[in-house]
Amino acid sequence: MHNTNEQRIASGLWLPLMEEFYTLQGEGYHTGKPAYFIRVGGCDNACHWCDTKASWNAALYPLVHINEIINRAKACAAGAVVVTGGEPLNYNLNPLCSSLKAEGLSLFLETSGSAPLSGEWDWICLSPKRKIHVHNDLFLAANELKVVVLEESYLEFAEQLAEKVNSSALLYLQPEWSRRNVVMPRIIEYIKANPKWRISLQSHKYMQIP
């Protein structure tokens, strides 16, 4: 059974599905737009401030055939799908994307960049984590760079990343939720002094929606 599951995952036709839900995008450039979210389980980054730690262990979640996921996604009124995690690029997303594209859906990816790019996307939000290697293809492909800021030193980290992404990528600084009241004033001050950056807020948490 173990080998069978590994083969299923490698094929890209089965994914460890943590949850699916229809909501408004809460962060970054597409804030406020409705989308169907697909969250896959499994992440090796283990950020201590992660707000979805339950997603880390992929073994906790059933392998679901992508046809089931696609049928639910295409029934959603939004016509847009966000694939997130965990770290979704731990998996071969080519079959999922090609099938969703065939249904005429717009596809958005949220990734740390810690695994190679797969799938065809309309928008890629790259959100690297400190001490985690980012694959160069993600720097080149990113439409949006979103850096979560816990403290002052993360601003220097953000600038290092900004030098690596393509010149058309939008640049966002986002206060880490539990420290938002502490870091928000500094982020605002920094963006005013460095206007290439924008602020991203976790608006879904303010609205108390998924």
C-alpha atoms as a PDB file:
ATOM      1  CA  MET A   1       0.000   0.000   0.000  1.00  0.00           C
ATOM      2  CA  HIS A   2       2.848   2.368   0.839  1.00  0.00           C
ATOM      3  CA  ASN A   3       4.376   1.978  -2.623  1.00  0.00           C
ATOM      4  CA  THR A   4       0.956   2.343  -4.237  1.00  0.00           C
ATOM      5  CA  ASN A   5       0.394   5.654  -2.455  1.00  0.00           C
ATOM      6  CA  GLU A   6       3.846   6.892  -3.474  1.00  0.00           C
ATOM      7  CA  GLN A   7       3.088   6.001  -7.079  1.00  0.00           C
ATOM      8  CA  ARG A   8      -0.280   7.747  -6.909  1.00  0.00           C
ATOM      9  CA  ILE A   9       1.296  10.923  -5.540  1.00  0.00           C
ATOM     10  CA  ALA A  10       4.116  10.837  -8.104  1.00  0.00           C
ATOM     11  CA  SER A  11       1.583  10.625 -10.924  1.00  0.00           C
ATOM     12  CA  GLY A  12       0.021  13.925  -9.874  1.00  0.00           C
ATOM     13  CA  LEU A  13      -3.415  12.342 -10.147  1.00  0.00           C
ATOM     14  CA  TRP A  14      -3.831  12.023  -6.383  1.00  0.00           C
ATOM     15  CA  LEU A  15      -3.194  14.683  -3.733  1.00  0.00           C
ATOM     16  CA  PRO A  16      -3.298  14.643   0.089  1.00  0.00           C
ATOM     17  CA  LEU A  17      -6.246  16.972   0.460  1.00  0.00           C
ATOM     18  CA  MET A  18      -6.453  18.873   3.743  1.00  0.00           C
ATOM     19  CA  GLU A  19      -9.448  21.038   2.907  1.00  0.00           C
ATOM     20  CA  GLU A  20     -11.372  22.877   0.210  1.00  0.00           C
ATOM     21  CA  PHE A  21     -13.465  25.999   0.712  1.00  0.00           C
ATOM     22  CA  TYR A  22     -14.983  28.945  -1.129  1.00  0.00           C
ATOM     23  CA  THR A  23     -14.068  32.345   0.263  1.00  0.00           C
ATOM     24  CA  LEU A  24     -12.510  35.714  -0.547  1.00  0.00           C
ATOM     25  CA  GLN A  25      -8.796  35.980  -1.109  1.00  0.00           C
ATOM     26  CA  GLY A  26      -7.428  37.638   1.974  1.00  0.00           C
ATOM     27  CA  GLU A  27      -3.865  38.709   1.153  1.00  0.00           C
ATOM     28  CA  GLY A  28      -1.742  40.433  -1.462  1.00  0.00           C
ATOM     29  CA  TYR A  29      -2.697  41.778  -4.869  1.00  0.00           C
ATOM     30  CA  HIS A  30      -5.935  39.799  -5.249  1.00  0.00           C
ATOM     31  CA  THR A  31      -7.364  40.680  -1.829  1.00  0.00           C
ATOM     32  CA  GLY A  32     -11.146  40.693  -1.853  1.00  0.00           C
ATOM     33  CA  LYS A  33     -11.650  38.506  -4.921  1.00  0.00           C
ATOM     34  CA  PRO A  34     -13.718  35.318  -4.540  1.00  0.00           C
ATOM     35  CA  ALA A  35     -11.899  32.036  -5.159  1.00  0.00           C
ATOM     36  CA  TYR A  36     -12.142  28.327  -4.489  1.00  0.00           C
ATOM     37  CA  PHE A  37      -9.252  27.293  -2.238  1.00  0.00           C
ATOM     38  CA  ILE A  38      -7.584  23.891  -2.444  1.00  0.00           C
ATOM     39  CA  ARG A  39      -5.240  23.233   0.477  1.00  0.00           C
ATOM     40  CA  VAL A  40      -2.930  20.231   0.225  1.00  0.00           C
ATOM     41  CA  GLY A  41      -1.183  18.669   3.197  1.00  0.00           C
ATOM     42  CA  GLY A  42       2.564  18.402   3.617  1.00  0.00           C
ATOM     43  CA  CYS A  43       5.237  20.998   4.379  1.00  0.00           C
ATOM     44  CA  ASP A  44       8.858  20.662   5.487  1.00  0.00           C
ATOM     45  CA  ASN A  45       9.504  24.341   6.254  1.00  0.00           C
ATOM     46  CA  ALA A  46       8.058  24.221   9.784  1.00  0.00           C
ATOM     47  CA  CYS A  47       7.871  27.981  10.373  1.00  0.00           C
ATOM     48  CA  HIS A  48       7.180  28.472  14.075  1.00  0.00           C
ATOM     49  CA  TRP A  49       4.670  31.269  13.344  1.00  0.00           C
ATOM     50  CA  CYS A  50       2.757  29.305  10.683  1.00  0.00           C
ATOM     51  CA  ASP A  51      -1.019  29.693  11.037  1.00  0.00           C
ATOM     52  CA  THR A  52      -1.737  26.344   9.364  1.00  0.00           C
ATOM     53  CA  LYS A  53       0.555  23.993  11.267  1.00  0.00           C
ATOM     54  CA  ALA A  54      -2.086  21.290  10.923  1.00  0.00           C
ATOM     55  CA  SER A  55      -1.117  21.096   7.252  1.00  0.00           C
ATOM     56  CA  TRP A  56       2.473  19.981   7.875  1.00  0.00           C
ATOM     57  CA  ASN A  57       1.918  16.213   8.110  1.00  0.00           C
ATOM     58  CA  ALA A  58       0.616  14.982   4.762  1.00  0.00           C
ATOM     59  CA  ALA A  59      -0.021  11.513   6.193  1.00  0.00           C
ATOM     60  CA  LEU A  60      -2.956  12.905   8.170  1.00  0.00           C
ATOM     61  CA  TYR A  61      -4.943  13.581   5.010  1.00  0.00           C
ATOM     62  CA  PRO A  62      -6.565  11.203   2.525  1.00  0.00           C
ATOM     63  CA  LEU A  63      -5.315  10.896  -1.007  1.00  0.00           C
ATOM     64  CA  VAL A  64      -8.056  12.281  -3.230  1.00  0.00           C
ATOM     65  CA  HIS A  65      -8.201  11.849  -6.999  1.00  0.00           C
ATOM     66  CA  ILE A  66      -7.916  15.190  -8.767  1.00  0.00           C
ATOM     67  CA  ASN A  67     -11.119  14.518 -10.725  1.00  0.00           C
ATOM     68  CA  GLU A  68     -13.079  14.870  -7.481  1.00  0.00           C
ATOM     69  CA  ILE A  69     -11.330  18.141  -6.690  1.00  0.00           C
ATOM     70  CA  ILE A  70     -11.865  19.474 -10.214  1.00  0.00           C
ATOM     71  CA  ASN A  71     -15.584  18.674 -10.200  1.00  0.00           C
ATOM     72  CA  ARG A  72     -16.082  20.660  -7.007  1.00  0.00           C
ATOM     73  CA  ALA A  73     -13.888  23.549  -8.187  1.00  0.00           C
ATOM     74  CA  LYS A  74     -15.644  23.978 -11.526  1.00  0.00           C
ATOM     75  CA  ALA A  75     -19.028  24.051  -9.767  1.00  0.00           C
ATOM     76  CA  CYS A  76     -17.894  27.138  -7.845  1.00  0.00           C
ATOM     77  CA  ALA A  77     -19.219  30.466  -9.119  1.00  0.00           C
ATOM     78  CA  ALA A  78     -15.906  32.327  -8.844  1.00  0.00           C
ATOM     79  CA  GLY A  79     -14.173  30.746 -11.840  1.00  0.00           C
ATOM     80  CA  ALA A  80     -10.891  31.043  -9.923  1.00  0.00           C
ATOM     81  CA  VAL A  81      -8.901  28.515  -7.917  1.00  0.00           C
ATOM     82  CA  VAL A  82      -6.156  29.101  -5.354  1.00  0.00           C
ATOM     83  CA  VAL A  83      -3.847  26.146  -4.638  1.00  0.00           C
ATOM     84  CA  THR A  84      -2.106  26.456  -1.291  1.00  0.00           C
ATOM     85  CA  GLY A  85      -0.802  24.345   1.571  1.00  0.00           C
ATOM     86  CA  GLY A  86       1.288  23.225   3.261  1.00  0.00           C
ATOM     87  CA  GLU A  87       3.674  23.500   0.371  1.00  0.00           C
ATOM     88  CA  PRO A  88       1.744  22.621  -2.807  1.00  0.00           C
ATOM     89  CA  LEU A  89       4.860  22.360  -4.976  1.00  0.00           C
ATOM     90  CA  ASN A  90       5.897  19.265  -3.039  1.00  0.00           C
ATOM     91  CA  TYR A  91       3.603  17.579  -5.563  1.00  0.00           C
ATOM     92  CA  ASN A  92       3.363  17.288  -9.333  1.00  0.00           C
ATOM     93  CA  LEU A  93       0.643  19.823 -10.099  1.00  0.00           C
ATOM     94  CA  ASN A  94       0.763  19.480 -13.889  1.00  0.00           C
ATOM     95  CA  PRO A  95      -2.285  17.164 -14.186  1.00  0.00           C
ATOM     96  CA  LEU A  96      -4.383  19.254 -11.788  1.00  0.00           C
ATOM     97  CA  CYS A  97      -3.576  22.500 -13.573  1.00  0.00           C
ATOM     98  CA  SER A  98      -4.090  21.190 -17.088  1.00  0.00           C
ATOM     99  CA  SER A  99      -7.491  19.786 -16.141  1.00  0.00           C
ATOM    100  CA  LEU A 100      -8.591  22.958 -14.334  1.00  0.00           C
ATOM    101  CA  LYS A 101      -7.385  25.049 -17.276  1.00  0.00           C
ATOM    102  CA  ALA A 102      -9.432  22.874 -19.613  1.00  0.00           C
ATOM    103  CA  GLU A 103     -12.483  23.908 -17.585  1.00  0.00           C
ATOM    104  CA  GLY A 104     -11.661  27.569 -18.186  1.00  0.00           C
ATOM    105  CA  LEU A 105     -10.659  28.344 -14.609  1.00  0.00           C
ATOM    106  CA  SER A 106      -8.074  30.929 -13.554  1.00  0.00           C
ATOM    107  CA  LEU A 107      -5.332  29.416 -11.390  1.00  0.00           C
ATOM    108  CA  PHE A 108      -3.441  31.024  -8.530  1.00  0.00           C
ATOM    109  CA  LEU A 109      -0.548  29.479  -6.603  1.00  0.00           C
ATOM    110  CA  GLU A 110       0.690  30.297  -3.104  1.00  0.00           C
ATOM    111  CA  THR A 111       4.154  28.878  -2.439  1.00  0.00           C
ATOM    112  CA  SER A 112       7.304  29.332  -0.398  1.00  0.00           C
ATOM    113  CA  GLY A 113       9.355  28.346  -3.441  1.00  0.00           C
ATOM    114  CA  SER A 114      11.063  25.519  -1.567  1.00  0.00           C
ATOM    115  CA  ALA A 115      10.233  22.966  -4.294  1.00  0.00           C
ATOM    116  CA  PRO A 116      10.518  23.164  -8.109  1.00  0.00           C
ATOM    117  CA  LEU A 117       7.709  24.767 -10.079  1.00  0.00           C
ATOM    118  CA  SER A 118       5.089  22.585 -11.717  1.00  0.00           C
ATOM    119  CA  GLY A 119       1.747  23.439 -13.268  1.00  0.00           C
ATOM    120  CA  GLU A 120       0.580  26.347 -15.417  1.00  0.00           C
ATOM    121  CA  TRP A 121      -0.545  29.409 -13.444  1.00  0.00           C
ATOM    122  CA  ASP A 122      -2.222  32.742 -14.060  1.00  0.00           C
ATOM    123  CA  TRP A 123      -0.672  34.179 -10.904  1.00  0.00           C
ATOM    124  CA  ILE A 124       2.094  33.017  -8.571  1.00  0.00           C
ATOM    125  CA  CYS A 125       2.449  34.455  -5.098  1.00  0.00           C
ATOM    126  CA  LEU A 126       5.942  33.658  -3.809  1.00  0.00           C
ATOM    127  CA  SER A 127       6.363  33.917  -0.045  1.00  0.00           C
ATOM    128  CA  PRO A 128       9.852  32.676   0.904  1.00  0.00           C
ATOM    129  CA  LYS A 129      10.860  31.832   4.442  1.00  0.00           C
ATOM    130  CA  ARG A 130      14.195  32.601   6.074  1.00  0.00           C
ATOM    131  CA  LYS A 131      16.787  29.797   5.911  1.00  0.00           C
ATOM    132  CA  ILE A 132      14.715  27.987   3.255  1.00  0.00           C
ATOM    133  CA  HIS A 133      16.234  27.584  -0.224  1.00  0.00           C
ATOM    134  CA  VAL A 134      14.096  29.076  -3.002  1.00  0.00           C
ATOM    135  CA  HIS A 135      14.287  27.510  -6.459  1.00  0.00           C
ATOM    136  CA  ASN A 136      15.374  30.020  -9.061  1.00  0.00           C
ATOM    137  CA  ASP A 137      12.469  29.200 -11.380  1.00  0.00           C
ATOM    138  CA  LEU A 138      10.126  30.625  -8.750  1.00  0.00           C
ATOM    139  CA  PHE A 139      12.030  33.914  -8.585  1.00  0.00           C
ATOM    140  CA  LEU A 140      11.699  34.163 -12.353  1.00  0.00           C
ATOM    141  CA  ALA A 141       8.022  33.194 -12.490  1.00  0.00           C
ATOM    142  CA  ALA A 142       6.656  35.063  -9.472  1.00  0.00           C
ATOM    143  CA  ASN A 143       3.998  37.694 -10.123  1.00  0.00           C
ATOM    144  CA  GLU A 144       4.032  38.729  -6.502  1.00  0.00           C
ATOM    145  CA  LEU A 145       6.629  38.577  -3.727  1.00  0.00           C
ATOM    146  CA  LYS A 146       5.055  38.558  -0.263  1.00  0.00           C
ATOM    147  CA  VAL A 147       7.364  38.698   2.742  1.00  0.00           C
ATOM    148  CA  VAL A 148       5.923  38.027   6.197  1.00  0.00           C
ATOM    149  CA  VAL A 149       7.551  40.398   8.686  1.00  0.00           C
ATOM    150  CA  LEU A 150       8.050  39.365  12.296  1.00  0.00           C
ATOM    151  CA  GLU A 151      10.627  41.969  13.282  1.00  0.00           C
ATOM    152  CA  GLU A 152      12.969  44.647  11.914  1.00  0.00           C
ATOM    153  CA  SER A 153      15.530  42.181  10.536  1.00  0.00           C
ATOM    154  CA  TYR A 154      12.953  40.764   8.121  1.00  0.00           C
ATOM    155  CA  LEU A 155      13.033  44.019   6.174  1.00  0.00           C
ATOM    156  CA  GLU A 156      16.632  43.327   5.167  1.00  0.00           C
ATOM    157  CA  PHE A 157      15.612  39.787   4.207  1.00  0.00           C
ATOM    158  CA  ALA A 158      12.824  41.266   2.072  1.00  0.00           C
ATOM    159  CA  GLU A 159      15.269  43.494   0.210  1.00  0.00           C
ATOM    160  CA  GLN A 160      17.532  40.519  -0.512  1.00  0.00           C
ATOM    161  CA  LEU A 161      14.583  38.700  -2.045  1.00  0.00           C
ATOM    162  CA  ALA A 162      13.485  41.751  -4.031  1.00  0.00           C
ATOM    163  CA  GLU A 163      16.847  41.720  -5.806  1.00  0.00           C
ATOM    164  CA  LYS A 164      16.215  38.144  -6.994  1.00  0.00           C
ATOM    165  CA  VAL A 165      12.674  38.290  -8.342  1.00  0.00           C
ATOM    166  CA  ASN A 166      11.881  39.393 -11.875  1.00  0.00           C
ATOM    167  CA  SER A 167      11.468  43.131 -12.411  1.00  0.00           C
ATOM    168  CA  SER A 168       7.701  42.937 -12.957  1.00  0.00           C
ATOM    169  CA  ALA A 169       6.921  41.173  -9.652  1.00  0.00           C
ATOM    170  CA  LEU A 170       4.853  43.203  -7.187  1.00  0.00           C
ATOM    171  CA  LEU A 171       6.461  43.573  -3.757  1.00  0.00           C
ATOM    172  CA  TYR A 172       4.489  43.156  -0.523  1.00  0.00           C
ATOM    173  CA  LEU A 173       5.331  43.312   3.164  1.00  0.00           C
ATOM    174  CA  GLN A 174       2.860  41.558   5.452  1.00  0.00           C
ATOM    175  CA  PRO A 175       2.864  41.781   9.249  1.00  0.00           C
ATOM    176  CA  GLU A 176       2.872  38.422  10.976  1.00  0.00           C
ATOM    177  CA  TRP A 177      -0.590  38.207  12.524  1.00  0.00           C
ATOM    178  CA  SER A 178       0.367  37.656  16.169  1.00  0.00           C
ATOM    179  CA  ARG A 179       2.810  40.605  16.011  1.00  0.00           C
ATOM    180  CA  ARG A 180       0.804  42.897  13.764  1.00  0.00           C
ATOM    181  CA  ASN A 181       0.375  45.648  16.353  1.00  0.00           C
ATOM    182  CA  VAL A 182       4.125  45.681  17.012  1.00  0.00           C
ATOM    183  CA  VAL A 183       5.441  45.570  13.446  1.00  0.00           C
ATOM    184  CA  MET A 184       2.695  47.453  11.582  1.00  0.00           C
ATOM    185  CA  PRO A 185       3.997  50.960  12.385  1.00  0.00           C
ATOM    186  CA  ARG A 186       7.490  50.010  11.248  1.00  0.00           C
ATOM    187  CA  ILE A 187       6.211  48.469   8.021  1.00  0.00           C
ATOM    188  CA  ILE A 188       4.186  51.592   7.240  1.00  0.00           C
ATOM    189  CA  GLU A 189       7.209  53.794   7.897  1.00  0.00           C
ATOM    190  CA  TYR A 190       9.403  51.542   5.746  1.00  0.00           C
ATOM    191  CA  ILE A 191       7.023  51.524   2.785  1.00  0.00           C
ATOM    192  CA  LYS A 192       6.677  55.303   2.877  1.00  0.00           C
ATOM    193  CA  ALA A 193      10.473  55.511   2.642  1.00  0.00           C
ATOM    194  CA  ASN A 194      10.684  52.697   0.064  1.00  0.00           C
ATOM    195  CA  PRO A 195       7.597  53.048  -2.157  1.00  0.00           C
ATOM    196  CA  LYS A 196       8.404  50.093  -4.386  1.00  0.00           C
ATOM    197  CA  TRP A 197       6.791  48.060  -1.571  1.00  0.00           C
ATOM    198  CA  ARG A 198       3.098  47.712  -0.730  1.00  0.00           C
ATOM    199  CA  ILE A 199       1.472  46.417   2.433  1.00  0.00           C
ATOM    200  CA  SER A 200      -0.492  43.171   2.554  1.00  0.00           C
ATOM    201  CA  LEU A 201      -2.901  42.566   5.423  1.00  0.00           C
ATOM    202  CA  GLN A 202      -4.575  39.290   6.302  1.00  0.00           C
ATOM    203  CA  SER A 203      -7.992  40.769   5.658  1.00  0.00           C
ATOM    204  CA  HIS A 204      -9.720  37.401   5.975  1.00  0.00           C
ATOM    205  CA  LYS A 205      -8.731  37.317   9.645  1.00  0.00           C
ATOM    206  CA  TYR A 206     -10.168  40.780  10.230  1.00  0.00           C
ATOM    207  CA  MET A 207     -13.358  39.622   8.485  1.00  0.00           C
ATOM    208  CA  GLN A 208     -13.300  36.320  10.421  1.00  0.00           C
ATOM    209  CA  ILE A 209     -13.717  34.190   7.314  1.00  0.00           C
ATOM    210  CA  PRO A 210     -11.628  31.167   6.170  1.00  0.00           C
END
